[in-house]
Amino acid sequence: MHDLMHDLATHVSGQFCIGPNNSSKATRRTRHLSLVAGTPHTEDCSFSKKLENIREAQLLRTFQTYPHNWICPPEFYNEIFQSTLGRLRVLFMTGCRDATMKFYSTSKLKHLRYLNLSRSDLVTLPEEASTLLNLQTLILEYCKQLASLPDLGNLKYFRHLNLQRTGIERLPASLERLINLRYLNIKYTLLKEMPPHIGQLAKLQTLTDFLVGRQSETSIKELGKLRHLRGELHIGNLQNVVDAKDAVEANLKGRKHLDELRFTWDGDTHDPQHITSTLEKLEPNRNVKDLQIDGYGGLRFPEWVGESSFSNIVSLKLSGCTNCTSLPPLGQLASLEYLSIEAFDKVVTVGSEFYGNCTAMKKPFESLKTLFFETMPEWREWISDEGSREAFPLLRDLFISNCPNLTKALPGHHLPRLTTLSIGGCEQLATPLSRCPIINSIYLRDASRTLGWRELDLLSGLHSLYVSRFNFQDSLLKEIKQMVFSPTDIGDIAIDGVASLKCIPLDFFPKVKFSFYL
């Protein structure tokens, strides 16, 4: 907003809206009030003066304390509740103390539509909250000590509930009666399963997590009744799927507005065939853009994973798939830009199956920009055949870590766009840097294979070199003089715990800034 327009709006609103920086006093005309309660470093935290300023505001619609209301004594809020909040519609009390909540009676808040108590140290929400019959939005995110909620089933207008990063362990069974609920955020809570019959929430559009239970009223079939879901969804505790056929009724294939999906198994993976069948029947809609699969215990992936028809997938993470012996054909995913593969304990070789059946007109991993391989203890070789010669044309960042048996890491062809290479915990790995002509940053950690100065030859764009606990071969002066390229543009070299290094020809790097950590 232009400064002149802002000044005009402030003048017109007058005593009707009073912000935290407004010096006006609240009156009966004031409807919207933001109060700066003070900070621990404020010399003048005269709450009595602030109370005198707002006691006249009997018709407030919006009240917000900003930004450090946690230092206000409970009696301060008690006075406010008793004197001013009878017509309140919107209440922000972020960061309040539990004692504060014990001082007010919700009978004074019967018109309340919006309540934000985020980042408070609440242990419980008062039972009186169930009498806020007009409440539509309740935000409790980051109330990490909050363990339970009262019965909310009577709140027939309730639409929005945010419990992200709370200590909630169980949702009230009455949740099924909130038939107008549109938004339920339970990310990073302590919930183990959903409340019974959550499928009754037919108008629900955002559900961050669905935690599968073993009983029919908490099974994955309930998910199939939520036809309007969109955005992101994490389906957890998939080990509790009793019959893989139940996963069909979840009907993820028909959820065209779900663009972020995560599947998680946590626990029993003793029946790989059942697990594979479950994932097979959880095939999502082709519109999905972000896909994660964690803790999958099958021996192989179902055919839909890596299928070329999933042309909208941009990000894919596979982790903890400890029984799989090979990777799915992910090279067929035309839009894939980010790929992370972690904790595949039984994969020995990454080969042609990884690239898939790409045609001459289509390069494997044609859009991929970032690739992670992490914690693959049996991986020994990355094989490239004729069909994968043109793979990774846009790859910029390659990270390989904790693959102790890997001897050949880079594909057998050039990586023309690679700019960052990070290798750690790969004791057997030799690094053919000549295949990365424009690389500008190299990170090497915990490797025993040697890397001499000649390995830096031809890397005209190299700017940063970070070496940690690496067997770095000493460079002889005559060897350096014979090099075709002189890496004068290297700006940063950081060396940590490299016992084998005896000398560095400083005159060879006129622009370099060295950092040594012994």
Protein backbone atom coordinates (compact mmCIF):
# COMPACT_ATOMS: atom_id res chain seq x y z
CA MET A 1 0.00 0.00 0.00
CA HIS A 2 1.26 3.47 -0.88
CA ASP A 3 2.22 5.59 2.15
CA LEU A 4 -0.45 8.19 1.38
CA MET A 5 -3.15 5.54 1.12
CA HIS A 6 -1.94 3.98 4.38
CA ASP A 7 -2.11 7.34 6.16
CA LEU A 8 -5.59 7.96 4.78
CA ALA A 9 -6.83 4.53 5.88
CA THR A 10 -5.37 5.05 9.35
CA HIS A 11 -7.03 8.45 9.66
CA VAL A 12 -10.43 7.19 8.49
CA SER A 13 -10.38 4.15 10.78
CA GLY A 14 -9.52 6.40 13.73
CA GLN A 15 -10.52 4.82 17.01
CA PHE A 16 -12.36 2.01 15.20
CA CYS A 17 -9.12 0.06 14.62
CA ILE A 18 -6.16 0.47 16.97
CA GLY A 19 -2.93 -1.25 16.03
CA PRO A 20 0.10 -1.98 18.22
CA ASN A 21 1.82 1.23 17.11
CA ASN A 22 -1.26 3.43 17.38
CA SER A 23 -1.18 5.92 20.25
CA SER A 24 -4.98 6.39 20.28
CA LYS A 25 -6.96 5.30 23.31
CA ALA A 26 -9.62 2.64 23.00
CA THR A 27 -13.24 3.81 23.29
CA ARG A 28 -16.69 2.29 22.85
CA ARG A 29 -16.23 2.84 19.10
CA THR A 30 -13.18 0.57 19.01
CA ARG A 31 -13.86 -2.74 17.28
CA HIS A 32 -10.37 -4.07 16.48
CA LEU A 33 -7.52 -3.82 18.98
CA SER A 34 -3.92 -5.06 18.86
CA LEU A 35 -2.02 -4.72 22.11
CA VAL A 36 1.74 -4.75 22.65
CA ALA A 37 2.03 -6.32 26.06
CA GLY A 38 5.74 -5.71 26.46
CA THR A 39 8.93 -7.75 26.46
CA PRO A 40 11.24 -9.03 29.18
CA HIS A 41 13.57 -6.16 28.35
CA THR A 42 10.92 -3.45 28.55
CA GLU A 43 11.39 -1.16 31.53
CA ASP A 44 7.79 -0.01 31.58
CA CYS A 45 5.38 -2.93 31.56
CA SER A 46 2.59 -1.07 33.33
CA PHE A 47 -0.33 -3.40 32.81
CA SER A 48 -2.63 -1.17 34.84
CA LYS A 49 -2.14 1.64 32.33
CA LYS A 50 -2.90 -0.70 29.47
CA LEU A 51 -6.08 -1.87 31.22
CA GLU A 52 -7.21 1.70 31.70
CA ASN A 53 -6.77 2.19 27.97
CA ILE A 54 -8.99 -0.71 26.90
CA ARG A 55 -11.68 -1.00 29.58
CA GLU A 56 -13.89 1.33 27.59
CA ALA A 57 -13.78 -0.98 24.56
CA GLN A 58 -16.91 -2.92 25.46
CA LEU A 59 -17.82 -3.74 21.84
CA LEU A 60 -14.58 -5.27 20.59
CA ARG A 61 -14.80 -7.70 17.67
CA THR A 62 -11.06 -8.48 17.32
CA PHE A 63 -8.48 -8.63 20.12
CA GLN A 64 -4.82 -9.51 19.61
CA THR A 65 -1.89 -9.33 22.00
CA TYR A 66 1.34 -8.87 20.11
CA PRO A 67 4.01 -10.20 20.18
CA HIS A 68 5.15 -11.06 23.72
CA ASN A 69 1.93 -11.57 25.68
CA TRP A 70 3.47 -14.50 27.56
CA ILE A 71 4.90 -12.11 30.16
CA CYS A 72 1.48 -10.72 31.12
CA PRO A 73 0.18 -11.90 34.52
CA PRO A 74 -2.99 -14.06 34.38
CA GLU A 75 -5.00 -11.44 36.24
CA PHE A 76 -4.36 -9.06 33.36
CA TYR A 77 -6.24 -11.31 30.96
CA ASN A 78 -8.88 -12.10 33.55
CA GLU A 79 -9.69 -8.40 33.78
CA ILE A 80 -9.86 -8.11 30.01
CA PHE A 81 -12.17 -11.10 29.65
CA GLN A 82 -14.53 -9.89 32.34
CA SER A 83 -14.82 -6.36 31.02
CA THR A 84 -14.48 -6.27 27.26
CA LEU A 85 -14.99 -9.49 25.35
CA GLY A 86 -18.73 -10.12 25.33
CA ARG A 87 -19.05 -9.44 21.58
CA LEU A 88 -15.67 -10.75 20.51
CA ARG A 89 -15.44 -12.63 17.19
CA VAL A 90 -11.66 -13.01 16.78
CA LEU A 91 -9.16 -13.69 19.59
CA PHE A 92 -5.38 -14.04 19.21
CA MET A 93 -3.57 -15.14 22.38
CA THR A 94 -0.45 -16.77 20.99
CA GLY A 95 2.17 -17.75 23.53
CA CYS A 96 -0.09 -17.56 26.58
CA ARG A 97 0.56 -19.46 29.81
CA ASP A 98 -1.64 -22.31 30.99
CA ALA A 99 -2.67 -20.32 34.07
CA THR A 100 -4.17 -17.70 31.78
CA MET A 101 -6.73 -20.14 30.42
CA LYS A 102 -8.04 -20.94 33.90
CA PHE A 103 -9.14 -17.39 34.55
CA TYR A 104 -11.75 -16.82 31.90
CA SER A 105 -15.25 -18.10 31.41
CA THR A 106 -16.19 -18.99 27.87
CA SER A 107 -19.71 -17.82 28.59
CA LYS A 108 -18.33 -14.37 27.76
CA LEU A 109 -17.16 -15.63 24.35
CA LYS A 110 -20.38 -17.01 22.93
CA HIS A 111 -19.94 -15.07 19.66
CA LEU A 112 -16.34 -16.18 19.11
CA ARG A 113 -15.56 -17.42 15.56
CA TYR A 114 -11.76 -17.56 15.57
CA LEU A 115 -9.44 -18.59 18.43
CA ASN A 116 -5.64 -18.72 18.08
CA LEU A 117 -3.71 -20.07 21.09
CA SER A 118 -0.64 -21.25 19.18
CA ARG A 119 2.77 -21.55 20.85
CA SER A 120 1.21 -21.60 24.30
CA ASP A 121 2.18 -23.92 27.14
CA LEU A 122 -1.33 -25.27 27.53
CA VAL A 123 -1.62 -28.75 29.02
CA THR A 124 -5.36 -29.06 28.47
CA LEU A 125 -8.02 -27.00 26.79
CA PRO A 126 -10.83 -26.15 29.22
CA GLU A 127 -14.01 -28.21 28.93
CA GLU A 128 -15.87 -24.92 28.51
CA ALA A 129 -14.41 -24.70 25.01
CA SER A 130 -17.14 -27.13 23.95
CA THR A 131 -19.70 -24.36 24.60
CA LEU A 132 -18.22 -22.02 21.98
CA LEU A 133 -21.09 -22.90 19.66
CA ASN A 134 -20.20 -20.35 16.98
CA LEU A 135 -16.51 -21.25 16.82
CA GLN A 136 -15.27 -21.94 13.29
CA THR A 137 -11.47 -21.91 13.62
CA LEU A 138 -9.21 -23.20 16.42
CA ILE A 139 -5.43 -22.94 16.05
CA LEU A 140 -3.28 -24.73 18.63
CA GLU A 141 -0.11 -25.39 16.64
CA TYR A 142 3.16 -25.63 18.60
CA CYS A 143 1.32 -26.12 21.91
CA LYS A 144 3.77 -28.91 22.65
CA GLN A 145 2.43 -29.74 26.12
CA LEU A 146 -1.17 -30.04 24.99
CA ALA A 147 -2.15 -33.71 25.36
CA SER A 148 -5.93 -33.78 24.96
CA LEU A 149 -8.97 -31.93 23.69
CA PRO A 150 -12.44 -31.66 25.21
CA ASP A 151 -15.57 -32.87 23.46
CA LEU A 152 -16.03 -30.62 20.42
CA GLY A 153 -18.95 -32.47 18.86
CA ASN A 154 -21.48 -29.69 19.50
CA LEU A 155 -19.61 -27.11 17.40
CA LYS A 156 -21.76 -27.43 14.31
CA TYR A 157 -20.12 -24.50 12.51
CA PHE A 158 -16.57 -25.73 13.16
CA ARG A 159 -14.44 -25.76 9.98
CA HIS A 160 -10.73 -25.44 10.77
CA LEU A 161 -8.61 -27.28 13.38
CA ASN A 162 -4.82 -26.93 13.47
CA LEU A 163 -2.98 -29.23 15.91
CA GLN A 164 0.42 -29.28 14.20
CA ARG A 165 3.33 -30.04 16.56
CA THR A 166 1.17 -30.45 19.64
CA GLY A 167 1.46 -33.27 22.17
CA ILE A 168 -1.97 -34.64 21.24
CA GLU A 169 -2.10 -38.43 21.65
CA ARG A 170 -5.77 -39.03 20.90
CA LEU A 171 -8.55 -37.11 19.18
CA PRO A 172 -12.01 -37.07 20.77
CA ALA A 173 -14.43 -39.65 19.39
CA SER A 174 -16.96 -36.86 18.93
CA LEU A 175 -14.87 -35.52 16.05
CA GLU A 176 -17.07 -37.52 13.66
CA ARG A 177 -19.93 -35.11 14.44
CA LEU A 178 -18.07 -32.09 13.04
CA ILE A 179 -19.78 -32.50 9.69
CA ASN A 180 -18.72 -29.05 8.44
CA LEU A 181 -15.01 -29.55 9.14
CA ARG A 182 -12.89 -28.59 6.10
CA TYR A 183 -9.35 -28.55 7.51
CA LEU A 184 -7.60 -30.89 9.97
CA ASN A 185 -3.85 -30.50 10.50
CA ILE A 186 -2.31 -33.19 12.74
CA LYS A 187 1.27 -33.13 11.42
CA TYR A 188 4.01 -34.02 13.90
CA THR A 189 1.67 -35.00 16.72
CA LEU A 190 1.77 -38.12 18.92
CA LEU A 191 -1.36 -39.66 17.44
CA LYS A 192 -1.27 -43.43 16.84
CA GLU A 193 -4.52 -43.80 14.92
CA MET A 194 -7.51 -41.83 13.73
CA PRO A 195 -10.70 -41.48 15.78
CA PRO A 196 -13.54 -43.83 14.76
CA HIS A 197 -15.60 -43.09 11.67
CA ILE A 198 -13.57 -40.15 10.41
CA GLY A 199 -15.11 -40.91 7.04
CA GLN A 200 -18.21 -39.11 8.33
CA LEU A 201 -16.40 -35.80 7.76
CA ALA A 202 -17.61 -35.73 4.18
CA LYS A 203 -16.73 -32.06 3.60
CA LEU A 204 -13.10 -32.44 4.70
CA GLN A 205 -10.72 -30.98 2.11
CA THR A 206 -7.38 -30.91 3.94
CA LEU A 207 -6.24 -33.87 6.04
CA THR A 208 -2.49 -33.86 6.60
CA ASP A 209 -2.27 -37.38 8.07
CA PHE A 210 -4.34 -40.54 8.06
CA LEU A 211 -3.04 -43.07 10.60
CA VAL A 212 -4.40 -46.52 9.86
CA GLY A 213 -5.93 -48.55 12.70
CA ARG A 214 -6.73 -52.26 12.85
CA GLN A 215 -10.44 -51.91 13.67
CA SER A 216 -12.99 -51.49 10.88
CA GLU A 217 -14.01 -48.01 12.09
CA THR A 218 -10.37 -46.81 11.88
CA SER A 219 -9.28 -48.82 8.83
CA ILE A 220 -7.97 -47.40 5.58
CA LYS A 221 -11.45 -47.88 4.08
CA GLU A 222 -12.56 -44.74 5.95
CA LEU A 223 -10.27 -42.74 3.68
CA GLY A 224 -12.38 -43.66 0.67
CA LYS A 225 -15.33 -41.70 2.07
CA LEU A 226 -13.37 -38.43 2.07
CA ARG A 227 -13.96 -37.56 -1.58
CA HIS A 228 -12.91 -33.91 -1.48
CA LEU A 229 -9.35 -34.25 -0.17
CA ARG A 230 -6.74 -32.06 -1.81
CA GLY A 231 -3.16 -30.89 -1.29
CA GLU A 232 -0.99 -33.14 0.89
CA LEU A 233 -1.75 -36.43 2.63
CA HIS A 234 0.43 -38.75 4.71
CA ILE A 235 -0.93 -42.28 5.15
CA GLY A 236 0.90 -43.81 8.10
CA ASN A 237 0.88 -47.10 10.00
CA LEU A 238 0.28 -49.06 6.80
CA GLN A 239 1.45 -52.17 8.62
CA ASN A 240 -2.03 -52.13 10.19
CA VAL A 241 -3.76 -52.83 6.87
CA VAL A 242 -5.29 -56.24 7.59
CA ASP A 243 -6.54 -57.00 4.08
CA ALA A 244 -4.80 -55.45 1.07
CA LYS A 245 -8.19 -55.26 -0.65
CA ASP A 246 -9.17 -52.55 1.83
CA ALA A 247 -6.59 -50.28 0.20
CA VAL A 248 -8.63 -50.39 -3.01
CA GLU A 249 -11.51 -48.70 -1.19
CA ALA A 250 -9.24 -45.78 -0.27
CA ASN A 251 -9.55 -44.90 -3.97
CA LEU A 252 -6.41 -42.78 -4.21
CA LYS A 253 -6.54 -43.20 -7.95
CA GLY A 254 -9.67 -41.08 -7.99
CA ARG A 255 -8.21 -38.25 -5.86
CA LYS A 256 -7.11 -35.95 -8.66
CA HIS A 257 -6.54 -32.98 -6.33
CA LEU A 258 -4.06 -34.78 -4.04
CA ASP A 259 -0.66 -33.64 -5.29
CA GLU A 260 1.55 -34.63 -2.30
CA LEU A 261 1.44 -38.21 -1.00
CA ARG A 262 3.50 -40.06 1.58
CA PHE A 263 3.18 -43.76 2.44
CA THR A 264 4.75 -45.01 5.68
CA TRP A 265 5.17 -48.44 7.25
CA ASP A 266 6.35 -48.49 10.84
CA GLY A 267 6.98 -51.92 12.27
CA ASP A 268 6.12 -55.39 11.04
CA THR A 269 7.46 -56.14 7.53
CA HIS A 270 7.47 -59.95 7.81
CA ASP A 271 5.00 -60.49 4.96
CA PRO A 272 6.60 -58.82 1.90
CA GLN A 273 3.94 -60.13 -0.47
CA HIS A 274 1.13 -58.55 1.57
CA ILE A 275 3.06 -55.27 1.75
CA THR A 276 3.63 -55.23 -2.02
CA SER A 277 -0.04 -55.95 -2.64
CA THR A 278 -1.03 -53.08 -0.33
CA LEU A 279 1.18 -50.55 -2.11
CA GLU A 280 0.01 -51.84 -5.47
CA LYS A 281 -3.59 -51.03 -4.53
CA LEU A 282 -2.65 -47.58 -3.22
CA GLU A 283 -1.76 -46.40 -6.72
CA PRO A 284 -2.37 -42.64 -6.78
CA ASN A 285 -3.85 -40.38 -9.41
CA ARG A 286 -1.58 -39.32 -12.26
CA ASN A 287 -1.73 -35.71 -11.02
CA VAL A 288 0.50 -36.42 -8.01
CA LYS A 289 3.59 -34.18 -7.92
CA ASP A 290 5.40 -35.14 -4.71
CA LEU A 291 5.67 -38.79 -3.63
CA GLN A 292 7.38 -40.38 -0.61
CA ILE A 293 7.55 -44.06 0.35
CA ASP A 294 9.10 -44.86 3.76
CA GLY A 295 9.67 -48.20 5.46
CA TYR A 296 8.35 -50.27 2.55
CA GLY A 297 9.12 -53.95 3.21
CA GLY A 298 8.31 -55.51 -0.15
CA LEU A 299 10.88 -57.36 -2.25
CA ARG A 300 10.07 -55.28 -5.31
CA PHE A 301 8.00 -52.23 -6.16
CA PRO A 302 4.64 -52.51 -7.93
CA GLU A 303 4.64 -51.58 -11.60
CA TRP A 304 3.09 -48.16 -11.09
CA VAL A 305 6.19 -46.89 -9.23
CA GLY A 306 8.28 -45.32 -11.98
CA GLU A 307 5.65 -45.74 -14.67
CA SER A 308 6.06 -43.10 -17.37
CA SER A 309 2.38 -42.07 -17.14
CA PHE A 310 3.21 -40.35 -13.84
CA SER A 311 4.52 -37.42 -15.83
CA ASN A 312 3.72 -34.81 -13.15
CA ILE A 313 5.97 -36.18 -10.40
CA VAL A 314 8.59 -33.54 -9.56
CA SER A 315 9.92 -34.88 -6.25
CA LEU A 316 10.37 -38.52 -5.17
CA LYS A 317 11.83 -39.91 -1.93
CA LEU A 318 12.29 -43.63 -1.25
CA SER A 319 13.70 -44.58 2.15
CA GLY A 320 13.96 -47.59 4.43
CA CYS A 321 13.05 -50.10 1.72
CA THR A 322 15.33 -52.67 3.29
CA ASN A 323 14.10 -55.78 1.46
CA CYS A 324 14.30 -54.44 -2.10
CA THR A 325 17.17 -55.80 -4.20
CA SER A 326 16.73 -53.40 -7.13
CA LEU A 327 15.47 -49.91 -7.85
CA PRO A 328 12.32 -49.15 -9.84
CA PRO A 329 12.61 -47.61 -13.36
CA LEU A 330 12.62 -44.00 -12.20
CA GLY A 331 14.36 -42.70 -15.31
CA GLN A 332 11.00 -42.82 -17.07
CA LEU A 333 9.55 -39.99 -14.94
CA ALA A 334 9.75 -37.10 -17.37
CA SER A 335 9.23 -34.23 -14.89
CA LEU A 336 11.27 -35.61 -11.97
CA GLU A 337 13.63 -32.93 -10.61
CA TYR A 338 14.47 -34.20 -7.11
CA LEU A 339 15.25 -37.83 -6.22
CA SER A 340 16.37 -39.22 -2.86
CA ILE A 341 17.15 -42.93 -2.35
CA GLU A 342 18.04 -43.93 1.21
CA ALA A 343 18.55 -47.12 3.24
CA PHE A 344 18.20 -49.76 0.53
CA ASP A 345 20.15 -52.38 2.45
CA LYS A 346 20.12 -55.15 -0.18
CA VAL A 347 20.79 -53.26 -3.42
CA VAL A 348 24.15 -54.37 -4.86
CA THR A 349 24.01 -52.89 -8.35
CA VAL A 350 22.30 -49.88 -9.86
CA GLY A 351 21.96 -50.64 -13.56
CA SER A 352 19.67 -50.55 -16.57
CA GLU A 353 16.54 -51.25 -14.49
CA PHE A 354 17.04 -47.85 -12.85
CA TYR A 355 16.88 -46.00 -16.17
CA GLY A 356 13.81 -47.79 -17.56
CA ASN A 357 12.71 -48.19 -21.15
CA CYS A 358 13.28 -44.72 -22.53
CA THR A 359 13.06 -44.17 -26.28
CA ALA A 360 15.65 -42.55 -28.51
CA MET A 361 13.64 -39.32 -28.35
CA LYS A 362 13.52 -39.34 -24.56
CA LYS A 363 16.56 -39.27 -22.28
CA PRO A 364 16.47 -41.05 -18.90
CA PHE A 365 16.10 -38.60 -16.02
CA GLU A 366 15.73 -35.80 -18.53
CA SER A 367 14.61 -33.23 -15.91
CA LEU A 368 16.49 -34.42 -12.81
CA LYS A 369 18.49 -31.69 -11.04
CA THR A 370 19.24 -33.15 -7.58
CA LEU A 371 20.10 -36.78 -6.75
CA PHE A 372 20.79 -38.33 -3.32
CA PHE A 373 22.06 -41.83 -2.56
CA GLU A 374 22.39 -42.47 1.19
CA THR A 375 23.11 -45.45 3.46
CA MET A 376 23.32 -48.33 0.98
CA PRO A 377 25.79 -50.72 2.67
CA GLU A 378 25.84 -53.41 -0.07
CA TRP A 379 25.89 -51.14 -3.12
CA ARG A 380 29.01 -51.88 -5.14
CA GLU A 381 28.59 -50.57 -8.66
CA TRP A 382 26.69 -48.05 -10.73
CA ILE A 383 26.47 -49.52 -14.23
CA SER A 384 25.71 -47.50 -17.33
CA ASP A 385 24.86 -49.14 -20.64
CA GLU A 386 24.30 -47.79 -24.14
CA GLY A 387 20.68 -46.99 -23.36
CA SER A 388 21.64 -44.68 -20.51
CA ARG A 389 24.41 -42.80 -22.29
CA GLU A 390 22.41 -39.56 -22.49
CA ALA A 391 20.98 -39.76 -18.97
CA PHE A 392 21.03 -36.90 -16.46
CA PRO A 393 21.42 -34.04 -18.97
CA LEU A 394 20.35 -31.44 -16.35
CA LEU A 395 21.77 -32.96 -13.15
CA ARG A 396 23.34 -30.20 -11.02
CA ASP A 397 23.80 -31.72 -7.55
CA LEU A 398 24.93 -35.27 -6.75
CA PHE A 399 25.21 -36.49 -3.14
CA ILE A 400 26.49 -39.97 -2.25
CA SER A 401 27.00 -40.85 1.42
CA ASN A 402 27.51 -43.92 3.60
CA CYS A 403 27.98 -46.42 0.78
CA PRO A 404 31.16 -48.14 2.07
CA ASN A 405 31.42 -50.82 -0.66
CA LEU A 406 30.84 -48.57 -3.65
CA THR A 407 33.74 -48.58 -6.12
CA LYS A 408 32.22 -46.94 -9.18
CA ALA A 409 29.95 -44.05 -8.39
CA LEU A 410 29.43 -41.90 -11.44
CA PRO A 411 27.69 -43.07 -14.61
CA GLY A 412 29.99 -44.04 -17.46
CA HIS A 413 29.36 -40.83 -19.36
CA HIS A 414 29.66 -37.10 -18.92
CA LEU A 415 27.47 -35.11 -16.55
CA PRO A 416 27.51 -31.83 -18.48
CA ARG A 417 25.57 -29.71 -15.94
CA LEU A 418 26.93 -31.09 -12.65
CA THR A 419 28.10 -28.23 -10.41
CA THR A 420 28.10 -29.80 -6.92
CA LEU A 421 29.52 -33.20 -5.97
CA SER A 422 29.40 -34.44 -2.38
CA ILE A 423 30.85 -37.82 -1.38
CA GLY A 424 31.03 -39.04 2.21
CA GLY A 425 31.57 -42.37 3.91
CA CYS A 426 32.53 -44.16 0.68
CA GLU A 427 35.91 -45.68 1.52
CA GLN A 428 36.33 -47.62 -1.74
CA LEU A 429 35.22 -44.94 -4.13
CA ALA A 430 37.41 -43.53 -6.89
CA THR A 431 36.16 -40.23 -8.23
CA PRO A 432 36.43 -39.63 -12.01
CA LEU A 433 36.09 -35.87 -11.94
CA SER A 434 36.92 -35.50 -15.62
CA ARG A 435 33.32 -36.42 -16.41
CA CYS A 436 32.07 -33.24 -14.70
CA PRO A 437 33.52 -30.39 -16.80
CA ILE A 438 31.76 -27.43 -15.12
CA ILE A 439 31.76 -28.60 -11.50
CA ASN A 440 32.38 -25.73 -9.06
CA SER A 441 32.03 -27.31 -5.59
CA ILE A 442 33.44 -30.61 -4.32
CA TYR A 443 32.83 -32.05 -0.84
CA LEU A 444 34.83 -35.14 0.19
CA ARG A 445 34.46 -36.83 3.59
CA ASP A 446 35.66 -40.13 5.07
CA ALA A 447 37.21 -41.73 2.02
CA SER A 448 40.43 -43.71 1.76
CA ARG A 449 41.01 -43.73 -2.00
CA THR A 450 43.57 -41.16 -3.10
CA LEU A 451 42.91 -37.95 -4.94
CA GLY A 452 45.92 -36.14 -6.35
CA TRP A 453 46.21 -32.65 -7.71
CA ARG A 454 45.92 -34.07 -11.24
CA GLU A 455 42.32 -34.97 -10.44
CA LEU A 456 41.57 -31.25 -10.39
CA ASP A 457 42.94 -30.81 -13.89
CA LEU A 458 40.43 -29.63 -16.51
CA LEU A 459 37.99 -28.37 -13.85
CA SER A 460 38.05 -24.79 -15.02
CA GLY A 461 35.00 -23.76 -12.98
CA LEU A 462 36.08 -25.20 -9.62
CA HIS A 463 35.59 -22.61 -6.90
CA SER A 464 35.27 -24.52 -3.61
CA LEU A 465 36.96 -27.67 -2.32
CA TYR A 466 36.04 -29.11 1.09
CA VAL A 467 38.03 -32.12 2.32
CA SER A 468 37.36 -33.94 5.61
CA ARG A 469 39.19 -37.08 6.78
CA PHE A 470 40.26 -37.89 3.24
CA ASN A 471 43.45 -39.61 2.01
CA PHE A 472 44.72 -36.71 -0.08
CA GLN A 473 47.81 -37.58 -2.16
CA ASP A 474 50.72 -35.14 -1.86
CA SER A 475 51.35 -33.18 -5.01
CA LEU A 476 54.85 -32.96 -6.42
CA LEU A 477 55.93 -29.64 -7.81
CA LYS A 478 56.95 -31.09 -11.17
CA GLU A 479 53.55 -32.79 -11.45
CA ILE A 480 51.82 -29.48 -10.90
CA LYS A 481 53.95 -27.77 -13.53
CA GLN A 482 53.01 -30.44 -16.05
CA MET A 483 49.30 -29.85 -15.59
CA VAL A 484 47.55 -28.37 -18.58
CA PHE A 485 45.25 -26.26 -16.42
CA SER A 486 46.15 -24.04 -13.50
CA PRO A 487 43.16 -23.75 -11.14
CA THR A 488 43.71 -20.09 -10.33
CA ASP A 489 40.00 -19.44 -9.70
CA ILE A 490 39.67 -21.68 -6.65
CA GLY A 491 38.47 -19.38 -3.88
CA ASP A 492 37.93 -21.69 -0.88
CA ILE A 493 39.71 -24.79 0.34
CA ALA A 494 38.69 -26.27 3.71
CA ILE A 495 40.71 -29.20 5.10
CA ASP A 496 39.69 -31.17 8.19
CA GLY A 497 41.59 -34.15 9.61
CA VAL A 498 43.72 -34.99 6.54
CA ALA A 499 46.73 -36.65 8.15
CA SER A 500 48.36 -37.75 4.89
CA LEU A 501 48.72 -34.23 3.48
CA LYS A 502 52.28 -32.94 3.85
CA CYS A 503 52.39 -29.83 1.68
CA ILE A 504 50.20 -27.51 -0.35
CA PRO A 505 51.73 -25.29 -3.05
CA LEU A 506 50.15 -22.01 -1.97
CA ASP A 507 51.57 -20.07 -4.92
CA PHE A 508 49.53 -22.32 -7.18
CA PHE A 509 46.28 -20.93 -5.75
CA PRO A 510 46.69 -17.13 -5.73
CA LYS A 511 43.04 -16.42 -4.82
CA VAL A 512 42.46 -19.20 -2.36
CA LYS A 513 41.32 -18.82 1.25
CA PHE A 514 42.47 -21.84 3.25
CA SER A 515 40.77 -23.23 6.35
CA PHE A 516 42.49 -25.97 8.37
CA TYR A 517 40.81 -28.05 11.10
CA LEU A 518 43.13 -30.46 12.86
